[in-house]
Amino acid sequence: MNTDHLPIYSTLASDEELREILALYVGEMPDRIFRLESECVARNWSELCRVAHQLKGSAGSHGFAEISLAAAKLETAIKTQLPEQQITVIVQHLTDLCRRVTTEKP
């Protein structure tokens, strides 16, 4: 079954006390997506690596492990100097994941 279109829920979504924090995090996701795409287009690899590193940590701590893993993959790709085309594909995959986050309960 292809799940590439399904929403991505936080593993913390059922915690009522975290609802507001998760909503803020998800609400800021368009800005993160914009930064990832902008730095990639600008070929600003050091800044893209920094944004990926931040996203890796914040996504993981907010219960979005799939995004955290994809951000880690991007960070590694940049640090190991993979070709630009491969980095661009990884950024596209990561931003696609980021667009699917939701605060709804699964």
N, C-alpha and C. Protein backbone atom coordinates (compact mmCIF):
# COMPACT_ATOMS: atom_id res chain seq x y z
N MET A 1 0.84 -1.19 0.00
CA MET A 1 0.00 0.00 0.00
C MET A 1 0.88 1.25 0.00
N ASN A 2 0.63 2.14 -0.92
CA ASN A 2 1.38 3.39 -1.02
C ASN A 2 0.82 4.38 -0.01
N THR A 3 1.67 4.85 0.89
CA THR A 3 1.24 5.77 1.95
C THR A 3 1.76 7.19 1.72
N ASP A 4 2.24 7.48 0.51
CA ASP A 4 2.86 8.78 0.23
C ASP A 4 1.89 9.97 0.30
N HIS A 5 0.63 9.72 0.42
CA HIS A 5 -0.35 10.79 0.46
C HIS A 5 -1.04 10.92 1.82
N LEU A 6 -0.77 9.98 2.70
CA LEU A 6 -1.44 9.96 4.00
C LEU A 6 -0.85 11.01 4.94
N PRO A 7 -1.67 11.55 5.83
CA PRO A 7 -1.17 12.50 6.83
C PRO A 7 -0.13 11.85 7.74
N ILE A 8 0.75 12.67 8.26
CA ILE A 8 1.74 12.20 9.22
C ILE A 8 1.35 12.79 10.57
N TYR A 9 1.10 11.89 11.51
CA TYR A 9 0.68 12.28 12.86
C TYR A 9 1.86 12.21 13.81
N SER A 10 1.86 13.08 14.78
CA SER A 10 2.83 13.02 15.85
C SER A 10 2.50 11.84 16.75
N THR A 11 3.52 11.16 17.20
CA THR A 11 3.31 10.08 18.17
C THR A 11 2.84 10.64 19.51
N LEU A 12 2.90 11.95 19.66
CA LEU A 12 2.48 12.61 20.89
C LEU A 12 1.08 13.21 20.77
N ALA A 13 0.40 12.97 19.64
CA ALA A 13 -0.88 13.61 19.35
C ALA A 13 -1.97 13.30 20.37
N SER A 14 -1.87 12.17 21.03
CA SER A 14 -2.93 11.82 21.99
C SER A 14 -2.72 12.49 23.35
N ASP A 15 -1.62 13.17 23.55
CA ASP A 15 -1.35 13.85 24.82
C ASP A 15 -2.00 15.23 24.80
N GLU A 16 -3.07 15.38 25.54
CA GLU A 16 -3.83 16.64 25.57
C GLU A 16 -2.96 17.83 25.99
N GLU A 17 -2.01 17.61 26.88
CA GLU A 17 -1.16 18.69 27.36
C GLU A 17 -0.23 19.23 26.29
N LEU A 18 0.04 18.43 25.26
CA LEU A 18 0.95 18.85 24.19
C LEU A 18 0.24 19.37 22.96
N ARG A 19 -1.08 19.34 22.98
CA ARG A 19 -1.85 19.73 21.79
C ARG A 19 -1.47 21.11 21.27
N GLU A 20 -1.37 22.10 22.14
CA GLU A 20 -1.06 23.46 21.71
C GLU A 20 0.35 23.56 21.15
N ILE A 21 1.28 22.90 21.79
CA ILE A 21 2.68 22.91 21.32
C ILE A 21 2.78 22.27 19.94
N LEU A 22 2.10 21.15 19.76
CA LEU A 22 2.12 20.48 18.46
C LEU A 22 1.46 21.34 17.39
N ALA A 23 0.38 22.02 17.74
CA ALA A 23 -0.29 22.90 16.79
C ALA A 23 0.63 24.04 16.35
N LEU A 24 1.37 24.60 17.28
CA LEU A 24 2.33 25.65 16.94
C LEU A 24 3.42 25.11 16.02
N TYR A 25 3.92 23.93 16.34
CA TYR A 25 4.98 23.33 15.54
C TYR A 25 4.49 23.06 14.11
N VAL A 26 3.33 22.47 13.99
CA VAL A 26 2.77 22.18 12.67
C VAL A 26 2.48 23.49 11.93
N GLY A 27 2.02 24.50 12.64
CA GLY A 27 1.75 25.79 12.02
C GLY A 27 2.98 26.48 11.47
N GLU A 28 4.13 26.18 12.04
CA GLU A 28 5.39 26.77 11.56
C GLU A 28 6.03 25.96 10.43
N MET A 29 5.44 24.82 10.09
CA MET A 29 6.04 23.96 9.07
C MET A 29 6.17 24.63 7.70
N PRO A 30 5.20 25.44 7.25
CA PRO A 30 5.40 26.11 5.96
C PRO A 30 6.67 26.96 5.91
N ASP A 31 7.01 27.60 7.01
CA ASP A 31 8.26 28.38 7.06
C ASP A 31 9.48 27.48 6.94
N ARG A 32 9.44 26.33 7.58
CA ARG A 32 10.56 25.39 7.48
C ARG A 32 10.70 24.88 6.05
N ILE A 33 9.58 24.57 5.43
CA ILE A 33 9.60 24.10 4.04
C ILE A 33 10.19 25.17 3.14
N PHE A 34 9.76 26.40 3.33
CA PHE A 34 10.28 27.52 2.54
C PHE A 34 11.80 27.64 2.70
N ARG A 35 12.28 27.53 3.92
CA ARG A 35 13.73 27.65 4.16
C ARG A 35 14.49 26.52 3.50
N LEU A 36 13.98 25.30 3.60
CA LEU A 36 14.64 24.16 2.96
C LEU A 36 14.72 24.37 1.45
N GLU A 37 13.60 24.74 0.85
CA GLU A 37 13.57 24.92 -0.60
C GLU A 37 14.43 26.10 -1.04
N SER A 38 14.37 27.19 -0.30
CA SER A 38 15.15 28.38 -0.65
C SER A 38 16.65 28.13 -0.59
N GLU A 39 17.09 27.49 0.48
CA GLU A 39 18.52 27.22 0.62
C GLU A 39 18.99 26.22 -0.44
N CYS A 40 18.14 25.30 -0.80
CA CYS A 40 18.49 24.32 -1.84
C CYS A 40 18.63 25.03 -3.19
N VAL A 41 17.66 25.86 -3.54
CA VAL A 41 17.71 26.59 -4.81
C VAL A 41 18.94 27.50 -4.86
N ALA A 42 19.26 28.13 -3.74
CA ALA A 42 20.42 29.02 -3.65
C ALA A 42 21.74 28.27 -3.59
N ARG A 43 21.66 26.95 -3.43
CA ARG A 43 22.85 26.09 -3.28
C ARG A 43 23.69 26.51 -2.07
N ASN A 44 23.00 26.96 -1.05
CA ASN A 44 23.65 27.37 0.19
C ASN A 44 23.70 26.13 1.09
N TRP A 45 24.66 25.27 0.79
CA TRP A 45 24.71 23.95 1.43
C TRP A 45 24.94 24.04 2.94
N SER A 46 25.77 24.98 3.38
CA SER A 46 26.03 25.06 4.82
C SER A 46 24.77 25.46 5.58
N GLU A 47 24.01 26.40 5.04
CA GLU A 47 22.77 26.81 5.70
C GLU A 47 21.71 25.71 5.59
N LEU A 48 21.65 25.04 4.45
CA LEU A 48 20.71 23.94 4.28
C LEU A 48 21.01 22.83 5.28
N CYS A 49 22.27 22.57 5.50
CA CYS A 49 22.68 21.56 6.47
C CYS A 49 22.25 21.97 7.88
N ARG A 50 22.39 23.23 8.19
CA ARG A 50 21.99 23.74 9.51
C ARG A 50 20.47 23.61 9.71
N VAL A 51 19.71 23.97 8.67
CA VAL A 51 18.25 23.86 8.74
C VAL A 51 17.84 22.40 8.89
N ALA A 52 18.49 21.52 8.15
CA ALA A 52 18.20 20.08 8.24
C ALA A 52 18.50 19.57 9.64
N HIS A 53 19.62 20.00 10.21
CA HIS A 53 20.00 19.57 11.56
C HIS A 53 18.95 20.02 12.58
N GLN A 54 18.51 21.27 12.47
CA GLN A 54 17.50 21.78 13.39
C GLN A 54 16.19 21.01 13.24
N LEU A 55 15.81 20.74 12.00
CA LEU A 55 14.57 20.01 11.74
C LEU A 55 14.65 18.59 12.26
N LYS A 56 15.82 17.98 12.12
CA LYS A 56 16.03 16.62 12.64
C LYS A 56 15.70 16.57 14.13
N GLY A 57 16.22 17.51 14.88
CA GLY A 57 16.00 17.53 16.32
C GLY A 57 14.58 17.93 16.70
N SER A 58 14.08 18.98 16.08
CA SER A 58 12.75 19.46 16.47
C SER A 58 11.65 18.47 16.06
N ALA A 59 11.77 17.89 14.89
CA ALA A 59 10.76 16.92 14.45
C ALA A 59 10.75 15.71 15.38
N GLY A 60 11.93 15.24 15.74
CA GLY A 60 12.02 14.09 16.64
C GLY A 60 11.43 14.39 18.00
N SER A 61 11.70 15.57 18.53
CA SER A 61 11.20 15.89 19.86
C SER A 61 9.70 16.21 19.86
N HIS A 62 9.14 16.44 18.68
CA HIS A 62 7.69 16.69 18.59
C HIS A 62 6.94 15.45 18.10
N GLY A 63 7.63 14.32 18.02
CA GLY A 63 6.96 13.07 17.70
C GLY A 63 6.80 12.76 16.23
N PHE A 64 7.59 13.41 15.39
CA PHE A 64 7.54 13.18 13.95
C PHE A 64 8.83 12.49 13.51
N ALA A 65 8.98 11.23 13.89
CA ALA A 65 10.20 10.48 13.65
C ALA A 65 10.52 10.35 12.16
N GLU A 66 9.51 10.18 11.33
CA GLU A 66 9.75 10.01 9.89
C GLU A 66 10.42 11.26 9.30
N ILE A 67 10.01 12.41 9.76
CA ILE A 67 10.62 13.66 9.28
C ILE A 67 12.02 13.80 9.85
N SER A 68 12.20 13.45 11.10
CA SER A 68 13.51 13.50 11.72
C SER A 68 14.51 12.64 10.96
N LEU A 69 14.10 11.44 10.59
CA LEU A 69 14.99 10.54 9.83
C LEU A 69 15.32 11.10 8.46
N ALA A 70 14.33 11.69 7.79
CA ALA A 70 14.56 12.28 6.46
C ALA A 70 15.48 13.50 6.56
N ALA A 71 15.33 14.29 7.61
CA ALA A 71 16.21 15.44 7.81
C ALA A 71 17.65 14.98 8.10
N ALA A 72 17.78 13.90 8.85
CA ALA A 72 19.11 13.33 9.11
C ALA A 72 19.76 12.86 7.82
N LYS A 73 18.97 12.27 6.95
CA LYS A 73 19.48 11.82 5.65
C LYS A 73 19.97 13.00 4.83
N LEU A 74 19.23 14.11 4.86
CA LEU A 74 19.65 15.31 4.14
C LEU A 74 20.94 15.87 4.74
N GLU A 75 21.00 15.93 6.04
CA GLU A 75 22.20 16.44 6.71
C GLU A 75 23.42 15.61 6.32
N THR A 76 23.28 14.30 6.32
CA THR A 76 24.39 13.41 5.94
C THR A 76 24.75 13.59 4.48
N ALA A 77 23.76 13.74 3.63
CA ALA A 77 24.01 13.92 2.19
C ALA A 77 24.84 15.17 1.94
N ILE A 78 24.54 16.22 2.65
CA ILE A 78 25.29 17.47 2.49
C ILE A 78 26.70 17.33 3.04
N LYS A 79 26.81 16.76 4.22
CA LYS A 79 28.13 16.61 4.85
C LYS A 79 29.06 15.69 4.05
N THR A 80 28.49 14.71 3.37
CA THR A 80 29.32 13.79 2.57
C THR A 80 29.43 14.26 1.12
N GLN A 81 28.90 15.43 0.85
CA GLN A 81 29.00 16.09 -0.45
C GLN A 81 28.47 15.24 -1.60
N LEU A 82 27.27 14.70 -1.39
CA LEU A 82 26.62 14.00 -2.49
C LEU A 82 26.36 15.00 -3.63
N PRO A 83 26.19 14.52 -4.84
CA PRO A 83 25.92 15.42 -5.96
C PRO A 83 24.65 16.25 -5.73
N GLU A 84 24.66 17.44 -6.29
CA GLU A 84 23.55 18.38 -6.12
C GLU A 84 22.21 17.75 -6.48
N GLN A 85 22.16 16.98 -7.54
CA GLN A 85 20.91 16.36 -7.96
C GLN A 85 20.36 15.43 -6.88
N GLN A 86 21.22 14.68 -6.23
CA GLN A 86 20.77 13.78 -5.16
C GLN A 86 20.28 14.57 -3.95
N ILE A 87 20.98 15.63 -3.62
CA ILE A 87 20.55 16.48 -2.50
C ILE A 87 19.18 17.08 -2.80
N THR A 88 18.98 17.53 -4.02
CA THR A 88 17.69 18.10 -4.41
C THR A 88 16.56 17.09 -4.27
N VAL A 89 16.81 15.85 -4.65
CA VAL A 89 15.80 14.79 -4.52
C VAL A 89 15.48 14.56 -3.04
N ILE A 90 16.49 14.56 -2.20
CA ILE A 90 16.28 14.36 -0.76
C ILE A 90 15.49 15.52 -0.17
N VAL A 91 15.80 16.75 -0.60
CA VAL A 91 15.05 17.92 -0.12
C VAL A 91 13.59 17.79 -0.54
N GLN A 92 13.35 17.38 -1.77
CA GLN A 92 11.96 17.22 -2.25
C GLN A 92 11.20 16.19 -1.41
N HIS A 93 11.86 15.08 -1.13
CA HIS A 93 11.22 14.06 -0.30
C HIS A 93 10.91 14.60 1.10
N LEU A 94 11.87 15.29 1.68
CA LEU A 94 11.69 15.85 3.02
C LEU A 94 10.56 16.88 3.04
N THR A 95 10.53 17.77 2.07
CA THR A 95 9.46 18.78 2.06
C THR A 95 8.10 18.14 1.79
N ASP A 96 8.07 17.09 1.00
CA ASP A 96 6.81 16.36 0.80
C ASP A 96 6.30 15.79 2.12
N LEU A 97 7.21 15.22 2.91
CA LEU A 97 6.82 14.72 4.22
C LEU A 97 6.32 15.85 5.11
N CYS A 98 7.04 16.95 5.11
CA CYS A 98 6.67 18.09 5.96
C CYS A 98 5.29 18.63 5.63
N ARG A 99 4.92 18.57 4.37
CA ARG A 99 3.59 19.05 3.96
C ARG A 99 2.47 18.16 4.47
N ARG A 100 2.79 16.97 4.91
CA ARG A 100 1.77 16.01 5.33
C ARG A 100 1.55 15.99 6.85
N VAL A 101 2.30 16.78 7.61
CA VAL A 101 2.12 16.76 9.06
C VAL A 101 0.76 17.34 9.43
N THR A 102 0.20 16.82 10.50
CA THR A 102 -1.08 17.30 10.98
C THR A 102 -1.15 17.19 12.50
N THR A 103 -2.03 17.99 13.08
CA THR A 103 -2.21 17.94 14.53
C THR A 103 -3.37 17.05 14.91
N GLU A 104 -4.09 16.55 13.92
CA GLU A 104 -5.22 15.68 14.21
C GLU A 104 -4.75 14.42 14.92
N LYS A 105 -5.63 13.84 15.67
CA LYS A 105 -5.30 12.56 16.31
C LYS A 105 -5.49 11.44 15.31
N PRO A 106 -4.59 10.47 15.31
CA PRO A 106 -4.75 9.33 14.39
C PRO A 106 -5.94 8.46 14.77
